[in-house]
Amino acid sequence: MPFDPRLALTFVAVAEELNFTRAAERLGVAQPWVSEQLRRLEEQVGFRVLARTSRKTELTVEGQEFLVHARALANANEAAQRFVAETRSGRAETLRIGAIDFLIDYPERAILIDRFVQANPKVLLEIHNGGGEDIFRRLSQGELDVALAFTTSASPGLDVETTVLSRRVANLLVPAEDPLAELDEIPLEMMRGRTLVTSPGRSDPRAYQATHSVFTAVGATFFPAPEANRTTIEHYARNKRLICLKWSAEPARRRPMGDMICIPITGAPLWLSFAILRIRSPASRPVARFCALGKELARENPAMLHPVTL
């Protein structure tokens, strides 16, 4: 028996609040109406989505899985309502972009946004910079349309569609007086017992963990720089005479960089994929145009999309 998709919208409010009274206030309805909607939903889908006791309300296993699809319906409904309202009022369309602040100096980001603005002058562009956890929370709740982030930044279980713009490979920036600076390539194993200057990890903890776990596995330690900024990290490593990561579009050959030497890593190359991410649901016109421009930009730089095995 098909279920009424409108019931899923009420379920999303209850699932996020885990409180029927607060969900009713959020929806602007009476609490008994919310309870009746949930009873009808469970009757129609044929399984329990909530487990209620006198003390608390929590999702069942089936409810947790169903929430992913219910949120997609809620996001699609919100997008449709927004489109109708804007079309009726004659207001410009809006594209709300969440961008992880660590990526602010990536040239692809600036090029993509500039091209979108030039091609869509009537679209109101909102750019919200912030940390990865906040960006993806707002994306999942429909407060943002797309995120500019690493593919490893997304929350586990979040059903996202990804448009990869470019990839970066990690090399090592080593003080010239360090014995490792004499090598043409540095095996990952030689980082055992070494210290790396890194980002503090607060801006994008998931991408940070994905990147640094291979160094943790061989026994390297980390020294956090004051802020998550590539220039600051490299400057801090120079001052402390420590090693840091140097990201590039492709594996670099050994080359001097002032009093530091940039050297490729062998053994387990590290790649980060910079991408547009959005919740998998029907895309609004601005979102579709933005992703299409992202694909065009990626095609212009094919070397930046294909990792090379070292």
C-alpha atoms as a PDB file:
ATOM      1  CA  MET A   1       0.000   0.000   0.000  1.00  0.00           C
ATOM      2  CA  PRO A   2       1.539   3.393  -0.976  1.00  0.00           C
ATOM      3  CA  PHE A   3       1.982   5.818   1.900  1.00  0.00           C
ATOM      4  CA  ASP A   4       1.014   9.489   1.900  1.00  0.00           C
ATOM      5  CA  PRO A   5       4.353  11.374   1.421  1.00  0.00           C
ATOM      6  CA  ARG A   6       2.985  14.303   3.427  1.00  0.00           C
ATOM      7  CA  LEU A   7       3.224  12.132   6.517  1.00  0.00           C
ATOM      8  CA  ALA A   8       6.986  11.893   6.004  1.00  0.00           C
ATOM      9  CA  LEU A   9       7.314  15.651   6.516  1.00  0.00           C
ATOM     10  CA  THR A  10       5.808  15.341   9.990  1.00  0.00           C
ATOM     11  CA  PHE A  11       8.054  12.357  10.709  1.00  0.00           C
ATOM     12  CA  VAL A  12      11.174  14.397   9.868  1.00  0.00           C
ATOM     13  CA  ALA A  13      10.190  17.079  12.405  1.00  0.00           C
ATOM     14  CA  VAL A  14       9.565  14.483  15.121  1.00  0.00           C
ATOM     15  CA  ALA A  15      12.754  12.550  14.283  1.00  0.00           C
ATOM     16  CA  GLU A  16      14.876  15.696  14.534  1.00  0.00           C
ATOM     17  CA  GLU A  17      13.250  16.992  17.720  1.00  0.00           C
ATOM     18  CA  LEU A  18      12.621  13.590  19.371  1.00  0.00           C
ATOM     19  CA  ASN A  19       9.841  15.375  21.191  1.00  0.00           C
ATOM     20  CA  PHE A  20       6.213  15.551  20.026  1.00  0.00           C
ATOM     21  CA  THR A  21       5.503  18.886  21.731  1.00  0.00           C
ATOM     22  CA  ARG A  22       8.528  20.612  20.167  1.00  0.00           C
ATOM     23  CA  ALA A  23       7.743  19.050  16.772  1.00  0.00           C
ATOM     24  CA  ALA A  24       4.185  20.397  17.005  1.00  0.00           C
ATOM     25  CA  GLU A  25       5.481  23.883  17.843  1.00  0.00           C
ATOM     26  CA  ARG A  26       7.900  23.691  14.918  1.00  0.00           C
ATOM     27  CA  LEU A  27       5.104  22.697  12.542  1.00  0.00           C
ATOM     28  CA  GLY A  28       2.619  25.177  14.021  1.00  0.00           C
ATOM     29  CA  VAL A  29       0.025  22.506  14.827  1.00  0.00           C
ATOM     30  CA  ALA A  30      -1.459  20.808  17.886  1.00  0.00           C
ATOM     31  CA  GLN A  31       0.464  17.944  19.504  1.00  0.00           C
ATOM     32  CA  PRO A  32      -2.414  15.404  19.104  1.00  0.00           C
ATOM     33  CA  TRP A  33      -2.390  16.061  15.333  1.00  0.00           C
ATOM     34  CA  VAL A  34       1.319  15.141  15.208  1.00  0.00           C
ATOM     35  CA  SER A  35       0.659  11.915  17.125  1.00  0.00           C
ATOM     36  CA  GLU A  36      -2.158  11.010  14.728  1.00  0.00           C
ATOM     37  CA  GLN A  37       0.066  11.696  11.697  1.00  0.00           C
ATOM     38  CA  LEU A  38       2.753   9.366  13.053  1.00  0.00           C
ATOM     39  CA  ARG A  39       0.166   6.679  13.828  1.00  0.00           C
ATOM     40  CA  ARG A  40      -1.115   6.893  10.237  1.00  0.00           C
ATOM     41  CA  LEU A  41       2.425   6.764   8.833  1.00  0.00           C
ATOM     42  CA  GLU A  42       3.305   3.600  10.763  1.00  0.00           C
ATOM     43  CA  GLU A  43       0.018   2.055   9.703  1.00  0.00           C
ATOM     44  CA  GLN A  44       0.683   2.814   6.040  1.00  0.00           C
ATOM     45  CA  VAL A  45       4.363   1.767   5.889  1.00  0.00           C
ATOM     46  CA  GLY A  46       3.802  -1.348   7.981  1.00  0.00           C
ATOM     47  CA  PHE A  47       6.585  -0.903  10.534  1.00  0.00           C
ATOM     48  CA  ARG A  48       7.402   1.129  13.644  1.00  0.00           C
ATOM     49  CA  VAL A  49       9.462   4.249  13.043  1.00  0.00           C
ATOM     50  CA  LEU A  50       9.501   5.458  16.653  1.00  0.00           C
ATOM     51  CA  ALA A  51       9.844   3.794  20.015  1.00  0.00           C
ATOM     52  CA  ARG A  52       8.073   5.826  22.740  1.00  0.00           C
ATOM     53  CA  THR A  53       8.227   5.413  26.497  1.00  0.00           C
ATOM     54  CA  SER A  54       7.039   7.660  29.288  1.00  0.00           C
ATOM     55  CA  ARG A  55      10.551   9.141  29.465  1.00  0.00           C
ATOM     56  CA  LYS A  56      11.810   9.467  25.901  1.00  0.00           C
ATOM     57  CA  THR A  57      11.184   9.065  22.191  1.00  0.00           C
ATOM     58  CA  GLU A  58      13.766   7.454  19.928  1.00  0.00           C
ATOM     59  CA  LEU A  59      13.993   6.117  16.390  1.00  0.00           C
ATOM     60  CA  THR A  60      13.751   2.421  15.666  1.00  0.00           C
ATOM     61  CA  VAL A  61      16.329   0.863  13.338  1.00  0.00           C
ATOM     62  CA  GLU A  62      13.760   1.002  10.535  1.00  0.00           C
ATOM     63  CA  GLY A  63      12.976   4.609  11.469  1.00  0.00           C
ATOM     64  CA  GLN A  64      16.642   5.597  11.174  1.00  0.00           C
ATOM     65  CA  GLU A  65      16.823   4.071   7.685  1.00  0.00           C
ATOM     66  CA  PHE A  66      13.494   5.605   6.636  1.00  0.00           C
ATOM     67  CA  LEU A  67      14.633   9.051   7.843  1.00  0.00           C
ATOM     68  CA  VAL A  68      17.146   9.292   4.974  1.00  0.00           C
ATOM     69  CA  HIS A  69      14.322   8.981   2.430  1.00  0.00           C
ATOM     70  CA  ALA A  70      11.932  11.156   4.431  1.00  0.00           C
ATOM     71  CA  ARG A  71      14.515  13.963   4.565  1.00  0.00           C
ATOM     72  CA  ALA A  72      14.924  13.728   0.782  1.00  0.00           C
ATOM     73  CA  LEU A  73      11.154  14.202   0.429  1.00  0.00           C
ATOM     74  CA  ALA A  74      11.227  17.120   2.877  1.00  0.00           C
ATOM     75  CA  ASN A  75      14.102  18.793   1.008  1.00  0.00           C
ATOM     76  CA  ALA A  76      12.361  18.301  -2.343  1.00  0.00           C
ATOM     77  CA  ASN A  77       9.134  19.734  -0.907  1.00  0.00           C
ATOM     78  CA  GLU A  78      10.980  22.767   0.471  1.00  0.00           C
ATOM     79  CA  ALA A  79      12.716  23.339  -2.879  1.00  0.00           C
ATOM     80  CA  ALA A  80       9.402  23.100  -4.723  1.00  0.00           C
ATOM     81  CA  GLN A  81       7.702  25.492  -2.299  1.00  0.00           C
ATOM     82  CA  ARG A  82      10.584  27.940  -2.597  1.00  0.00           C
ATOM     83  CA  PHE A  83      10.477  27.779  -6.407  1.00  0.00           C
ATOM     84  CA  VAL A  84       6.734  28.469  -6.478  1.00  0.00           C
ATOM     85  CA  ALA A  85       7.020  31.347  -4.008  1.00  0.00           C
ATOM     86  CA  GLU A  86       9.913  32.967  -5.866  1.00  0.00           C
ATOM     87  CA  THR A  87       8.268  32.508  -9.259  1.00  0.00           C
ATOM     88  CA  ARG A  88       4.986  34.046  -8.038  1.00  0.00           C
ATOM     89  CA  SER A  89       6.724  36.986  -6.412  1.00  0.00           C
ATOM     90  CA  GLY A  90       9.135  37.556  -9.295  1.00  0.00           C
ATOM     91  CA  ARG A  91      12.118  37.289  -6.958  1.00  0.00           C
ATOM     92  CA  ALA A  92      15.450  36.036  -8.233  1.00  0.00           C
ATOM     93  CA  GLU A  93      16.410  32.419  -7.728  1.00  0.00           C
ATOM     94  CA  THR A  94      18.862  31.748  -4.925  1.00  0.00           C
ATOM     95  CA  LEU A  95      21.847  29.402  -4.644  1.00  0.00           C
ATOM     96  CA  ARG A  96      23.062  28.796  -1.084  1.00  0.00           C
ATOM     97  CA  ILE A  97      26.640  27.493  -1.010  1.00  0.00           C
ATOM     98  CA  GLY A  98      28.354  26.139   2.068  1.00  0.00           C
ATOM     99  CA  ALA A  99      32.153  26.277   1.734  1.00  0.00           C
ATOM    100  CA  ILE A 100      34.682  24.795   4.126  1.00  0.00           C
ATOM    101  CA  ASP A 101      36.934  27.679   5.127  1.00  0.00           C
ATOM    102  CA  PHE A 102      40.147  25.663   4.693  1.00  0.00           C
ATOM    103  CA  LEU A 103      39.489  25.700   0.921  1.00  0.00           C
ATOM    104  CA  ILE A 104      39.136  29.457   0.566  1.00  0.00           C
ATOM    105  CA  ASP A 105      42.394  29.843  -1.409  1.00  0.00           C
ATOM    106  CA  TYR A 106      41.737  26.972  -3.846  1.00  0.00           C
ATOM    107  CA  PRO A 107      41.713  28.577  -7.340  1.00  0.00           C
ATOM    108  CA  GLU A 108      39.012  26.193  -8.617  1.00  0.00           C
ATOM    109  CA  ARG A 109      36.620  27.588  -6.019  1.00  0.00           C
ATOM    110  CA  ALA A 110      37.124  31.189  -7.182  1.00  0.00           C
ATOM    111  CA  ILE A 111      36.931  30.259 -10.887  1.00  0.00           C
ATOM    112  CA  LEU A 112      33.736  28.225 -10.448  1.00  0.00           C
ATOM    113  CA  ILE A 113      31.931  30.916  -8.455  1.00  0.00           C
ATOM    114  CA  ASP A 114      33.053  33.649 -10.861  1.00  0.00           C
ATOM    115  CA  ARG A 115      31.799  31.687 -13.878  1.00  0.00           C
ATOM    116  CA  PHE A 116      28.470  31.004 -12.212  1.00  0.00           C
ATOM    117  CA  VAL A 117      27.944  34.674 -11.369  1.00  0.00           C
ATOM    118  CA  GLN A 118      28.774  35.716 -14.939  1.00  0.00           C
ATOM    119  CA  ALA A 119      26.486  33.089 -16.496  1.00  0.00           C
ATOM    120  CA  ASN A 120      23.614  33.608 -14.014  1.00  0.00           C
ATOM    121  CA  PRO A 121      23.498  37.315 -13.104  1.00  0.00           C
ATOM    122  CA  LYS A 122      19.907  37.099 -11.841  1.00  0.00           C
ATOM    123  CA  VAL A 123      20.622  34.330  -9.329  1.00  0.00           C
ATOM    124  CA  LEU A 124      21.180  35.568  -5.789  1.00  0.00           C
ATOM    125  CA  LEU A 125      24.328  33.862  -4.489  1.00  0.00           C
ATOM    126  CA  GLU A 126      24.762  33.206  -0.755  1.00  0.00           C
ATOM    127  CA  ILE A 127      28.143  31.830   0.372  1.00  0.00           C
ATOM    128  CA  HIS A 128      28.434  30.534   3.921  1.00  0.00           C
ATOM    129  CA  ASN A 129      31.990  29.709   5.049  1.00  0.00           C
ATOM    130  CA  GLY A 130      32.514  27.447   8.023  1.00  0.00           C
ATOM    131  CA  GLY A 131      33.701  24.139   9.411  1.00  0.00           C
ATOM    132  CA  GLY A 132      32.861  20.783   7.874  1.00  0.00           C
ATOM    133  CA  GLU A 133      30.506  19.539  10.590  1.00  0.00           C
ATOM    134  CA  ASP A 134      28.395  22.713  10.521  1.00  0.00           C
ATOM    135  CA  ILE A 135      28.316  22.850   6.710  1.00  0.00           C
ATOM    136  CA  PHE A 136      27.070  19.271   6.354  1.00  0.00           C
ATOM    137  CA  ARG A 137      24.567  19.615   9.192  1.00  0.00           C
ATOM    138  CA  ARG A 138      23.039  22.610   7.404  1.00  0.00           C
ATOM    139  CA  LEU A 139      23.174  20.791   4.058  1.00  0.00           C
ATOM    140  CA  SER A 140      21.326  17.775   5.490  1.00  0.00           C
ATOM    141  CA  GLN A 141      18.668  20.054   7.019  1.00  0.00           C
ATOM    142  CA  GLY A 142      18.040  21.878   3.726  1.00  0.00           C
ATOM    143  CA  GLU A 143      19.548  25.186   4.865  1.00  0.00           C
ATOM    144  CA  LEU A 144      22.193  24.960   2.118  1.00  0.00           C
ATOM    145  CA  ASP A 145      21.867  23.791  -1.497  1.00  0.00           C
ATOM    146  CA  VAL A 146      25.432  22.600  -2.136  1.00  0.00           C
ATOM    147  CA  ALA A 147      28.724  22.269  -0.280  1.00  0.00           C
ATOM    148  CA  LEU A 148      32.233  22.950  -1.547  1.00  0.00           C
ATOM    149  CA  ALA A 149      34.332  20.469   0.395  1.00  0.00           C
ATOM    150  CA  PHE A 150      36.480  17.361   0.188  1.00  0.00           C
ATOM    151  CA  THR A 151      34.682  14.112  -0.604  1.00  0.00           C
ATOM    152  CA  THR A 152      35.928  12.792   2.756  1.00  0.00           C
ATOM    153  CA  SER A 153      34.294  15.739   4.575  1.00  0.00           C
ATOM    154  CA  ALA A 154      30.714  14.419   4.296  1.00  0.00           C
ATOM    155  CA  SER A 155      28.976  12.939   7.316  1.00  0.00           C
ATOM    156  CA  PRO A 156      28.759   9.109   7.287  1.00  0.00           C
ATOM    157  CA  GLY A 157      25.425   7.876   5.958  1.00  0.00           C
ATOM    158  CA  LEU A 158      24.599  11.165   4.225  1.00  0.00           C
ATOM    159  CA  ASP A 159      23.301  10.371   0.735  1.00  0.00           C
ATOM    160  CA  VAL A 160      25.168  12.900  -1.387  1.00  0.00           C
ATOM    161  CA  GLU A 161      25.793  13.344  -5.088  1.00  0.00           C
ATOM    162  CA  THR A 162      29.379  14.362  -5.814  1.00  0.00           C
ATOM    163  CA  THR A 163      30.925  16.377  -8.645  1.00  0.00           C
ATOM    164  CA  VAL A 164      34.713  16.189  -8.294  1.00  0.00           C
ATOM    165  CA  LEU A 165      36.452  19.397  -9.377  1.00  0.00           C
ATOM    166  CA  SER A 166      40.081  18.420  -8.758  1.00  0.00           C
ATOM    167  CA  ARG A 167      42.391  16.281  -6.681  1.00  0.00           C
ATOM    168  CA  ARG A 168      45.502  17.127  -4.700  1.00  0.00           C
ATOM    169  CA  VAL A 169      48.363  14.792  -3.778  1.00  0.00           C
ATOM    170  CA  ALA A 170      50.409  15.227  -0.614  1.00  0.00           C
ATOM    171  CA  ASN A 171      54.183  15.673  -0.788  1.00  0.00           C
ATOM    172  CA  LEU A 172      56.491  16.415   2.129  1.00  0.00           C
ATOM    173  CA  LEU A 173      58.091  19.807   2.755  1.00  0.00           C
ATOM    174  CA  VAL A 174      61.322  19.008   4.617  1.00  0.00           C
ATOM    175  CA  PRO A 175      63.913  21.363   6.205  1.00  0.00           C
ATOM    176  CA  ALA A 176      67.036  21.415   4.035  1.00  0.00           C
ATOM    177  CA  GLU A 177      69.248  20.311   6.961  1.00  0.00           C
ATOM    178  CA  ASP A 178      67.119  17.224   7.681  1.00  0.00           C
ATOM    179  CA  PRO A 179      68.739  13.952   6.448  1.00  0.00           C
ATOM    180  CA  LEU A 180      65.477  13.131   4.640  1.00  0.00           C
ATOM    181  CA  ALA A 181      66.062  16.176   2.419  1.00  0.00           C
ATOM    182  CA  GLU A 182      68.802  14.245   0.599  1.00  0.00           C
ATOM    183  CA  LEU A 183      66.289  11.712  -0.757  1.00  0.00           C
ATOM    184  CA  ASP A 184      64.479  11.919  -4.101  1.00  0.00           C
ATOM    185  CA  GLU A 185      61.473  10.117  -2.610  1.00  0.00           C
ATOM    186  CA  ILE A 186      60.489   9.453   0.997  1.00  0.00           C
ATOM    187  CA  PRO A 187      58.915   6.076   1.841  1.00  0.00           C
ATOM    188  CA  LEU A 188      55.993   6.507   4.203  1.00  0.00           C
ATOM    189  CA  GLU A 189      57.633   4.116   6.675  1.00  0.00           C
ATOM    190  CA  MET A 190      60.464   6.624   7.206  1.00  0.00           C
ATOM    191  CA  MET A 191      57.983   8.962   8.903  1.00  0.00           C
ATOM    192  CA  ARG A 192      57.966   6.660  11.949  1.00  0.00           C
ATOM    193  CA  GLY A 193      58.803   8.743  15.012  1.00  0.00           C
ATOM    194  CA  ARG A 194      58.746  11.994  12.981  1.00  0.00           C
ATOM    195  CA  THR A 195      56.628  15.071  13.732  1.00  0.00           C
ATOM    196  CA  LEU A 196      54.425  16.782  11.149  1.00  0.00           C
ATOM    197  CA  VAL A 197      53.116  20.330  11.423  1.00  0.00           C
ATOM    198  CA  THR A 198      49.427  20.115  10.520  1.00  0.00           C
ATOM    199  CA  SER A 199      46.121  21.949  10.548  1.00  0.00           C
ATOM    200  CA  PRO A 200      44.500  22.074  14.012  1.00  0.00           C
ATOM    201  CA  GLY A 201      41.832  19.769  12.547  1.00  0.00           C
ATOM    202  CA  ARG A 202      38.881  21.798  13.810  1.00  0.00           C
ATOM    203  CA  SER A 203      37.817  23.089  10.392  1.00  0.00           C
ATOM    204  CA  ASP A 204      37.259  19.684   8.785  1.00  0.00           C
ATOM    205  CA  PRO A 205      37.804  16.854  11.296  1.00  0.00           C
ATOM    206  CA  ARG A 206      36.639  14.068   8.958  1.00  0.00           C
ATOM    207  CA  ALA A 207      38.982  15.033   6.108  1.00  0.00           C
ATOM    208  CA  TYR A 208      41.747  15.593   8.677  1.00  0.00           C
ATOM    209  CA  GLN A 209      41.307  12.078  10.061  1.00  0.00           C
ATOM    210  CA  ALA A 210      41.199  10.505   6.587  1.00  0.00           C
ATOM    211  CA  THR A 211      44.417  12.283   5.607  1.00  0.00           C
ATOM    212  CA  HIS A 212      46.435  11.789   8.770  1.00  0.00           C
ATOM    213  CA  SER A 213      45.461   8.228   9.674  1.00  0.00           C
ATOM    214  CA  VAL A 214      48.183   6.761   7.404  1.00  0.00           C
ATOM    215  CA  PHE A 215      50.841   8.740   9.301  1.00  0.00           C
ATOM    216  CA  THR A 216      49.374   7.693  12.638  1.00  0.00           C
ATOM    217  CA  ALA A 217      49.576   4.079  11.467  1.00  0.00           C
ATOM    218  CA  VAL A 218      53.369   4.310  10.975  1.00  0.00           C
ATOM    219  CA  GLY A 219      53.937   6.108  14.280  1.00  0.00           C
ATOM    220  CA  ALA A 220      54.236   9.754  13.214  1.00  0.00           C
ATOM    221  CA  THR A 221      53.084  12.514  15.571  1.00  0.00           C
ATOM    222  CA  PHE A 222      51.489  15.896  14.845  1.00  0.00           C
ATOM    223  CA  PHE A 223      52.163  19.480  15.887  1.00  0.00           C
ATOM    224  CA  PRO A 224      49.128  21.698  15.151  1.00  0.00           C
ATOM    225  CA  ALA A 225      49.675  25.099  13.562  1.00  0.00           C
ATOM    226  CA  PRO A 226      47.694  28.034  15.031  1.00  0.00           C
ATOM    227  CA  GLU A 227      45.121  28.051  12.211  1.00  0.00           C
ATOM    228  CA  ALA A 228      43.825  25.931   9.319  1.00  0.00           C
ATOM    229  CA  ASN A 229      45.534  27.880   6.573  1.00  0.00           C
ATOM    230  CA  ARG A 230      48.025  26.333   4.167  1.00  0.00           C
ATOM    231  CA  THR A 231      50.333  29.401   4.154  1.00  0.00           C
ATOM    232  CA  THR A 232      50.328  29.525   7.963  1.00  0.00           C
ATOM    233  CA  ILE A 233      51.073  25.797   8.251  1.00  0.00           C
ATOM    234  CA  GLU A 234      54.053  25.997   5.884  1.00  0.00           C
ATOM    235  CA  HIS A 235      55.370  29.168   7.543  1.00  0.00           C
ATOM    236  CA  TYR A 236      55.067  27.530  10.968  1.00  0.00           C
ATOM    237  CA  ALA A 237      56.948  24.426   9.758  1.00  0.00           C
ATOM    238  CA  ARG A 238      59.760  26.654   8.434  1.00  0.00           C
ATOM    239  CA  ASN A 239      60.060  28.494  11.744  1.00  0.00           C
ATOM    240  CA  LYS A 240      59.992  25.313  13.832  1.00  0.00           C
ATOM    241  CA  ARG A 241      62.246  23.447  11.331  1.00  0.00           C
ATOM    242  CA  LEU A 242      59.742  20.615  11.118  1.00  0.00           C
ATOM    243  CA  ILE A 243      58.154  18.684   8.250  1.00  0.00           C
ATOM    244  CA  CYS A 244      54.696  19.473   6.845  1.00  0.00           C
ATOM    245  CA  LEU A 245      52.550  18.358   3.935  1.00  0.00           C
ATOM    246  CA  LYS A 246      52.779  20.210   0.628  1.00  0.00           C
ATOM    247  CA  TRP A 247      49.772  19.621  -1.641  1.00  0.00           C
ATOM    248  CA  SER A 248      49.995  19.753  -5.433  1.00  0.00           C
ATOM    249  CA  ALA A 249      47.913  18.747  -8.462  1.00  0.00           C
ATOM    250  CA  GLU A 250      50.278  15.858  -9.213  1.00  0.00           C
ATOM    251  CA  PRO A 251      53.204  14.094  -7.502  1.00  0.00           C
ATOM    252  CA  ALA A 252      56.088  16.543  -7.395  1.00  0.00           C
ATOM    253  CA  ARG A 253      59.704  15.835  -8.235  1.00  0.00           C
ATOM    254  CA  ARG A 254      62.212  16.717  -5.532  1.00  0.00           C
ATOM    255  CA  ARG A 255      62.737  20.464  -5.678  1.00  0.00           C
ATOM    256  CA  PRO A 256      64.082  23.200  -3.391  1.00  0.00           C
ATOM    257  CA  MET A 257      61.651  25.759  -1.970  1.00  0.00           C
ATOM    258  CA  GLY A 258      63.858  28.287  -0.190  1.00  0.00           C
ATOM    259  CA  ASP A 259      65.344  26.594   2.862  1.00  0.00           C
ATOM    260  CA  MET A 260      62.900  23.655   2.547  1.00  0.00           C
ATOM    261  CA  ILE A 261      62.832  20.764   0.063  1.00  0.00           C
ATOM    262  CA  CYS A 262      59.593  19.423  -1.463  1.00  0.00           C
ATOM    263  CA  ILE A 263      59.787  15.634  -1.867  1.00  0.00           C
ATOM    264  CA  PRO A 264      57.148  13.086  -3.006  1.00  0.00           C
ATOM    265  CA  ILE A 265      55.968  10.301  -0.687  1.00  0.00           C
ATOM    266  CA  THR A 266      56.013   6.643  -1.734  1.00  0.00           C
ATOM    267  CA  GLY A 267      54.228   3.692  -0.167  1.00  0.00           C
ATOM    268  CA  ALA A 268      50.726   5.109   0.299  1.00  0.00           C
ATOM    269  CA  PRO A 269      50.121   8.281  -1.711  1.00  0.00           C
ATOM    270  CA  LEU A 270      47.598  10.641  -0.117  1.00  0.00           C
ATOM    271  CA  TRP A 271      44.930  12.221  -2.286  1.00  0.00           C
ATOM    272  CA  LEU A 272      42.173  14.663  -1.433  1.00  0.00           C
ATOM    273  CA  SER A 273      39.284  15.221  -3.844  1.00  0.00           C
ATOM    274  CA  PHE A 274      37.799  18.742  -3.896  1.00  0.00           C
ATOM    275  CA  ALA A 275      34.172  18.584  -4.978  1.00  0.00           C
ATOM    276  CA  ILE A 276      30.662  19.962  -5.107  1.00  0.00           C
ATOM    277  CA  LEU A 277      28.429  17.871  -2.840  1.00  0.00           C
ATOM    278  CA  ARG A 278      24.644  18.008  -2.607  1.00  0.00           C
ATOM    279  CA  ILE A 279      21.885  15.886  -1.123  1.00  0.00           C
ATOM    280  CA  ARG A 280      20.691  13.356  -3.680  1.00  0.00           C
ATOM    281  CA  SER A 281      17.271  14.749  -4.639  1.00  0.00           C
ATOM    282  CA  PRO A 282      15.742  16.654  -7.576  1.00  0.00           C
ATOM    283  CA  ALA A 283      18.026  19.630  -8.208  1.00  0.00           C
ATOM    284  CA  SER A 284      16.785  23.186  -8.504  1.00  0.00           C
ATOM    285  CA  ARG A 285      17.792  25.072 -11.639  1.00  0.00           C
ATOM    286  CA  PRO A 286      20.627  27.032  -9.930  1.00  0.00           C
ATOM    287  CA  VAL A 287      22.027  23.835  -8.380  1.00  0.00           C
ATOM    288  CA  ALA A 288      21.912  22.004 -11.725  1.00  0.00           C
ATOM    289  CA  ARG A 289      23.691  24.910 -13.452  1.00  0.00           C
ATOM    290  CA  PHE A 290      26.328  25.123 -10.719  1.00  0.00           C
ATOM    291  CA  CYS A 291      27.110  21.390 -10.929  1.00  0.00           C
ATOM    292  CA  ALA A 292      27.199  21.532 -14.749  1.00  0.00           C
ATOM    293  CA  LEU A 293      29.772  24.348 -14.572  1.00  0.00           C
ATOM    294  CA  GLY A 294      31.750  22.243 -12.099  1.00  0.00           C
ATOM    295  CA  LYS A 295      31.874  19.350 -14.564  1.00  0.00           C
ATOM    296  CA  GLU A 296      33.035  21.705 -17.319  1.00  0.00           C
ATOM    297  CA  LEU A 297      35.797  23.051 -15.079  1.00  0.00           C
ATOM    298  CA  ALA A 298      36.934  19.526 -14.233  1.00  0.00           C
ATOM    299  CA  ARG A 299      37.099  18.567 -17.912  1.00  0.00           C
ATOM    300  CA  GLU A 300      39.437  21.508 -18.518  1.00  0.00           C
ATOM    301  CA  ASN A 301      41.914  20.059 -15.998  1.00  0.00           C
ATOM    302  CA  PRO A 302      41.906  16.277 -16.612  1.00  0.00           C
ATOM    303  CA  ALA A 303      45.370  15.830 -15.074  1.00  0.00           C
ATOM    304  CA  MET A 304      43.965  17.029 -11.747  1.00  0.00           C
ATOM    305  CA  LEU A 305      41.311  14.307 -11.665  1.00  0.00           C
ATOM    306  CA  HIS A 306      43.335  11.113 -12.070  1.00  0.00           C
ATOM    307  CA  PRO A 307      45.579   9.933  -9.223  1.00  0.00           C
ATOM    308  CA  VAL A 308      48.962   8.527 -10.165  1.00  0.00           C
ATOM    309  CA  THR A 309      50.153   5.456  -8.244  1.00  0.00           C
ATOM    310  CA  LEU A 310      53.674   5.860  -6.903  1.00  0.00           C
END
